Amino acid sequence: MVVKPYKDKHIDETTKLRTFESTVNSSELVWHQDHNTRHITVVEGDNWALQLDNQLPQDLLPGKTYTIPAEMFHRVLRGSNRLVVKIVENS
């Protein structure tokens, strides 16, 4: 069984809250891709970043929404405290 570096709380079929603790090991935050496009809104977190394939990391700012296109490789870079994001997934 693979242990995920986050915890999810499902709101409905397309929406969930995802929490990464500040103690997560950076080596667990790996490059990956998702089958569907996701819209990520930062609820809380400081100094976290999102890196999309072939791009420089961009700061994840509370209140801002980021779009991750389907099948695009990406990763999250650890910040200084807990990160909570709302994820809305397009099917």
N, C-alpha and C. Protein backbone atom coordinates (compact mmCIF):
# COMPACT_ATOMS: atom_id res chain seq x y z
N MET A 1 0.84 -1.19 0.00
CA MET A 1 0.00 0.00 0.00
C MET A 1 0.88 1.25 0.00
N VAL A 2 0.57 2.18 -0.89
CA VAL A 2 1.32 3.42 -0.99
C VAL A 2 0.70 4.44 -0.04
N VAL A 3 1.55 5.08 0.76
CA VAL A 3 1.08 6.12 1.67
C VAL A 3 1.22 7.46 0.97
N LYS A 4 0.13 8.20 0.91
CA LYS A 4 0.13 9.51 0.25
C LYS A 4 0.70 10.57 1.20
N PRO A 5 1.37 11.60 0.66
CA PRO A 5 1.95 12.65 1.51
C PRO A 5 0.93 13.72 1.90
N TYR A 6 -0.36 13.42 1.78
CA TYR A 6 -1.42 14.38 2.07
C TYR A 6 -2.64 13.63 2.58
N LYS A 7 -3.62 14.40 3.09
CA LYS A 7 -4.91 13.84 3.50
C LYS A 7 -5.99 14.58 2.75
N ASP A 8 -6.98 13.85 2.26
CA ASP A 8 -8.09 14.44 1.53
C ASP A 8 -9.37 14.38 2.34
N LYS A 9 -10.18 15.43 2.19
CA LYS A 9 -11.54 15.45 2.72
C LYS A 9 -12.45 15.76 1.54
N HIS A 10 -13.25 14.78 1.14
CA HIS A 10 -14.12 14.94 -0.03
C HIS A 10 -15.35 15.79 0.32
N ILE A 11 -15.58 16.81 -0.49
CA ILE A 11 -16.71 17.72 -0.32
C ILE A 11 -17.89 17.21 -1.15
N ASP A 12 -17.63 16.89 -2.42
CA ASP A 12 -18.62 16.29 -3.31
C ASP A 12 -17.87 15.50 -4.37
N GLU A 13 -18.53 15.11 -5.44
CA GLU A 13 -17.91 14.24 -6.45
C GLU A 13 -16.72 14.86 -7.15
N THR A 14 -16.68 16.18 -7.26
CA THR A 14 -15.59 16.84 -8.00
C THR A 14 -14.71 17.73 -7.15
N THR A 15 -15.03 17.88 -5.86
CA THR A 15 -14.32 18.82 -5.00
C THR A 15 -13.80 18.14 -3.74
N LYS A 16 -12.56 18.48 -3.39
CA LYS A 16 -11.99 17.97 -2.14
C LYS A 16 -11.04 19.00 -1.55
N LEU A 17 -10.85 18.91 -0.24
CA LEU A 17 -9.83 19.69 0.46
C LEU A 17 -8.65 18.76 0.68
N ARG A 18 -7.46 19.21 0.29
CA ARG A 18 -6.25 18.42 0.45
C ARG A 18 -5.30 19.16 1.38
N THR A 19 -4.77 18.44 2.36
CA THR A 19 -3.87 19.02 3.36
C THR A 19 -2.51 18.34 3.32
N PHE A 20 -1.47 19.14 3.21
CA PHE A 20 -0.09 18.69 3.32
C PHE A 20 0.46 19.28 4.62
N GLU A 21 1.00 18.46 5.49
CA GLU A 21 1.59 18.96 6.73
C GLU A 21 2.99 19.53 6.45
N SER A 22 3.42 20.46 7.29
CA SER A 22 4.73 21.08 7.10
C SER A 22 5.86 20.08 7.32
N THR A 23 5.55 18.96 7.95
CA THR A 23 6.56 17.95 8.24
C THR A 23 6.72 16.93 7.12
N VAL A 24 5.95 17.07 6.02
CA VAL A 24 6.05 16.11 4.92
C VAL A 24 7.48 16.12 4.39
N ASN A 25 8.00 14.95 4.09
CA ASN A 25 9.35 14.83 3.53
C ASN A 25 9.32 15.30 2.08
N SER A 26 10.21 16.20 1.71
CA SER A 26 10.24 16.73 0.34
C SER A 26 10.37 15.63 -0.70
N SER A 27 11.03 14.53 -0.34
CA SER A 27 11.20 13.43 -1.30
C SER A 27 9.88 12.73 -1.63
N GLU A 28 8.84 12.96 -0.81
CA GLU A 28 7.52 12.39 -1.08
C GLU A 28 6.70 13.23 -2.06
N LEU A 29 7.13 14.46 -2.30
CA LEU A 29 6.42 15.37 -3.19
C LEU A 29 6.98 15.21 -4.60
N VAL A 30 6.54 14.16 -5.26
CA VAL A 30 7.15 13.74 -6.52
C VAL A 30 6.41 14.31 -7.74
N TRP A 31 7.13 14.31 -8.87
CA TRP A 31 6.51 14.66 -10.14
C TRP A 31 5.44 13.63 -10.45
N HIS A 32 4.29 14.10 -10.90
CA HIS A 32 3.20 13.19 -11.26
C HIS A 32 2.26 13.90 -12.22
N GLN A 33 1.31 13.14 -12.78
CA GLN A 33 0.28 13.72 -13.64
C GLN A 33 -1.07 13.18 -13.20
N ASP A 34 -2.08 13.96 -13.47
CA ASP A 34 -3.46 13.59 -13.15
C ASP A 34 -4.22 13.41 -14.46
N HIS A 35 -5.23 12.54 -14.45
CA HIS A 35 -5.99 12.26 -15.67
C HIS A 35 -6.87 13.44 -16.10
N ASN A 36 -7.33 14.23 -15.13
CA ASN A 36 -8.25 15.33 -15.42
C ASN A 36 -7.64 16.67 -15.09
N THR A 37 -8.14 17.73 -15.73
CA THR A 37 -7.73 19.10 -15.39
C THR A 37 -8.20 19.42 -13.98
N ARG A 38 -7.34 20.08 -13.22
CA ARG A 38 -7.67 20.46 -11.84
C ARG A 38 -7.50 21.96 -11.65
N HIS A 39 -8.42 22.53 -10.87
CA HIS A 39 -8.35 23.93 -10.47
C HIS A 39 -8.07 23.92 -8.97
N ILE A 40 -6.94 24.47 -8.59
CA ILE A 40 -6.45 24.42 -7.21
C ILE A 40 -6.55 25.81 -6.61
N THR A 41 -7.30 25.96 -5.52
CA THR A 41 -7.38 27.23 -4.80
C THR A 41 -6.71 27.04 -3.45
N VAL A 42 -5.75 27.92 -3.15
CA VAL A 42 -5.01 27.82 -1.90
C VAL A 42 -5.86 28.39 -0.78
N VAL A 43 -6.14 27.58 0.23
CA VAL A 43 -6.89 28.00 1.40
C VAL A 43 -5.94 28.58 2.45
N GLU A 44 -4.82 27.87 2.70
CA GLU A 44 -3.80 28.37 3.62
C GLU A 44 -2.47 27.74 3.28
N GLY A 45 -1.39 28.43 3.66
CA GLY A 45 -0.04 27.92 3.44
C GLY A 45 0.91 29.05 3.10
N ASP A 46 2.14 28.93 3.58
CA ASP A 46 3.17 29.94 3.33
C ASP A 46 4.39 29.28 2.70
N ASN A 47 4.92 29.93 1.67
CA ASN A 47 6.17 29.54 1.02
C ASN A 47 6.10 28.22 0.27
N TRP A 48 4.90 27.72 -0.04
CA TRP A 48 4.76 26.54 -0.87
C TRP A 48 4.80 27.00 -2.33
N ALA A 49 5.13 26.07 -3.23
CA ALA A 49 5.19 26.42 -4.65
C ALA A 49 4.66 25.25 -5.49
N LEU A 50 4.21 25.59 -6.68
CA LEU A 50 3.74 24.62 -7.66
C LEU A 50 4.68 24.72 -8.86
N GLN A 51 5.17 23.58 -9.31
CA GLN A 51 6.02 23.56 -10.50
C GLN A 51 5.38 22.68 -11.56
N LEU A 52 5.10 23.28 -12.71
CA LEU A 52 4.58 22.55 -13.87
C LEU A 52 5.75 22.16 -14.76
N ASP A 53 5.57 21.13 -15.55
CA ASP A 53 6.61 20.61 -16.43
C ASP A 53 7.21 21.73 -17.29
N ASN A 54 8.53 21.78 -17.33
CA ASN A 54 9.30 22.75 -18.13
C ASN A 54 9.04 24.20 -17.74
N GLN A 55 8.65 24.43 -16.47
CA GLN A 55 8.43 25.79 -15.99
C GLN A 55 9.13 25.96 -14.64
N LEU A 56 9.41 27.21 -14.32
CA LEU A 56 9.95 27.52 -13.00
C LEU A 56 8.84 27.41 -11.97
N PRO A 57 9.17 27.11 -10.71
CA PRO A 57 8.14 27.06 -9.67
C PRO A 57 7.45 28.40 -9.52
N GLN A 58 6.16 28.36 -9.19
CA GLN A 58 5.41 29.58 -8.91
C GLN A 58 4.86 29.48 -7.49
N ASP A 59 4.92 30.60 -6.78
CA ASP A 59 4.44 30.62 -5.40
C ASP A 59 2.96 30.30 -5.36
N LEU A 60 2.56 29.50 -4.37
CA LEU A 60 1.15 29.21 -4.10
C LEU A 60 0.66 30.23 -3.09
N LEU A 61 -0.19 31.15 -3.51
CA LEU A 61 -0.64 32.26 -2.68
C LEU A 61 -2.07 32.03 -2.19
N PRO A 62 -2.32 32.21 -0.89
CA PRO A 62 -3.68 32.03 -0.36
C PRO A 62 -4.70 32.87 -1.13
N GLY A 63 -5.82 32.22 -1.49
CA GLY A 63 -6.89 32.90 -2.20
C GLY A 63 -6.78 32.83 -3.71
N LYS A 64 -5.61 32.44 -4.22
CA LYS A 64 -5.41 32.39 -5.66
C LYS A 64 -5.72 30.99 -6.19
N THR A 65 -6.24 30.93 -7.43
CA THR A 65 -6.56 29.66 -8.07
C THR A 65 -5.57 29.39 -9.20
N TYR A 66 -5.11 28.15 -9.28
CA TYR A 66 -4.15 27.70 -10.29
C TYR A 66 -4.80 26.56 -11.07
N THR A 67 -4.50 26.49 -12.36
CA THR A 67 -5.03 25.41 -13.20
C THR A 67 -3.90 24.48 -13.61
N ILE A 68 -4.14 23.18 -13.42
CA ILE A 68 -3.18 22.16 -13.84
C ILE A 68 -3.87 21.35 -14.94
N PRO A 69 -3.41 21.51 -16.18
CA PRO A 69 -4.05 20.79 -17.28
C PRO A 69 -3.91 19.27 -17.13
N ALA A 70 -4.88 18.54 -17.67
CA ALA A 70 -4.86 17.08 -17.65
C ALA A 70 -3.56 16.57 -18.25
N GLU A 71 -3.00 15.53 -17.63
CA GLU A 71 -1.81 14.82 -18.11
C GLU A 71 -0.52 15.65 -18.07
N MET A 72 -0.52 16.83 -17.46
CA MET A 72 0.71 17.63 -17.35
C MET A 72 1.46 17.21 -16.10
N PHE A 73 2.75 16.92 -16.25
CA PHE A 73 3.57 16.61 -15.09
C PHE A 73 3.70 17.85 -14.22
N HIS A 74 3.63 17.65 -12.90
CA HIS A 74 3.75 18.75 -11.95
C HIS A 74 4.13 18.20 -10.57
N ARG A 75 4.55 19.11 -9.71
CA ARG A 75 4.85 18.74 -8.32
C ARG A 75 4.63 19.95 -7.43
N VAL A 76 4.51 19.67 -6.13
CA VAL A 76 4.40 20.72 -5.12
C VAL A 76 5.72 20.77 -4.38
N LEU A 77 6.18 21.98 -4.06
CA LEU A 77 7.41 22.17 -3.30
C LEU A 77 7.05 22.65 -1.90
N ARG A 78 7.61 22.00 -0.89
CA ARG A 78 7.25 22.23 0.50
C ARG A 78 7.53 23.66 0.96
N GLY A 79 6.60 24.15 1.80
CA GLY A 79 6.72 25.47 2.39
C GLY A 79 7.06 25.38 3.87
N SER A 80 6.70 26.44 4.59
CA SER A 80 7.12 26.53 6.00
C SER A 80 6.03 26.13 6.99
N ASN A 81 4.82 25.92 6.52
CA ASN A 81 3.76 25.46 7.43
C ASN A 81 2.79 24.59 6.63
N ARG A 82 1.67 24.28 7.20
CA ARG A 82 0.69 23.41 6.56
C ARG A 82 0.10 24.07 5.31
N LEU A 83 -0.10 23.26 4.27
CA LEU A 83 -0.76 23.72 3.04
C LEU A 83 -2.11 23.05 2.93
N VAL A 84 -3.15 23.87 2.72
CA VAL A 84 -4.51 23.36 2.47
C VAL A 84 -4.97 23.96 1.15
N VAL A 85 -5.38 23.07 0.23
CA VAL A 85 -5.89 23.53 -1.06
C VAL A 85 -7.24 22.91 -1.34
N LYS A 86 -8.09 23.66 -2.04
CA LYS A 86 -9.36 23.13 -2.53
C LYS A 86 -9.13 22.72 -3.97
N ILE A 87 -9.44 21.47 -4.29
CA ILE A 87 -9.24 20.93 -5.63
C ILE A 87 -10.59 20.68 -6.27
N VAL A 88 -10.80 21.29 -7.44
CA VAL A 88 -12.00 21.02 -8.24
C VAL A 88 -11.51 20.37 -9.52
N GLU A 89 -12.02 19.19 -9.80
CA GLU A 89 -11.53 18.39 -10.92
C GLU A 89 -12.57 18.33 -12.02
N ASN A 90 -12.12 18.63 -13.24
CA ASN A 90 -12.99 18.48 -14.43
C ASN A 90 -12.85 17.06 -14.94
N SER A 91 -13.98 16.46 -15.31
CA SER A 91 -13.91 15.09 -15.84
C SER A 91 -13.74 15.09 -17.34
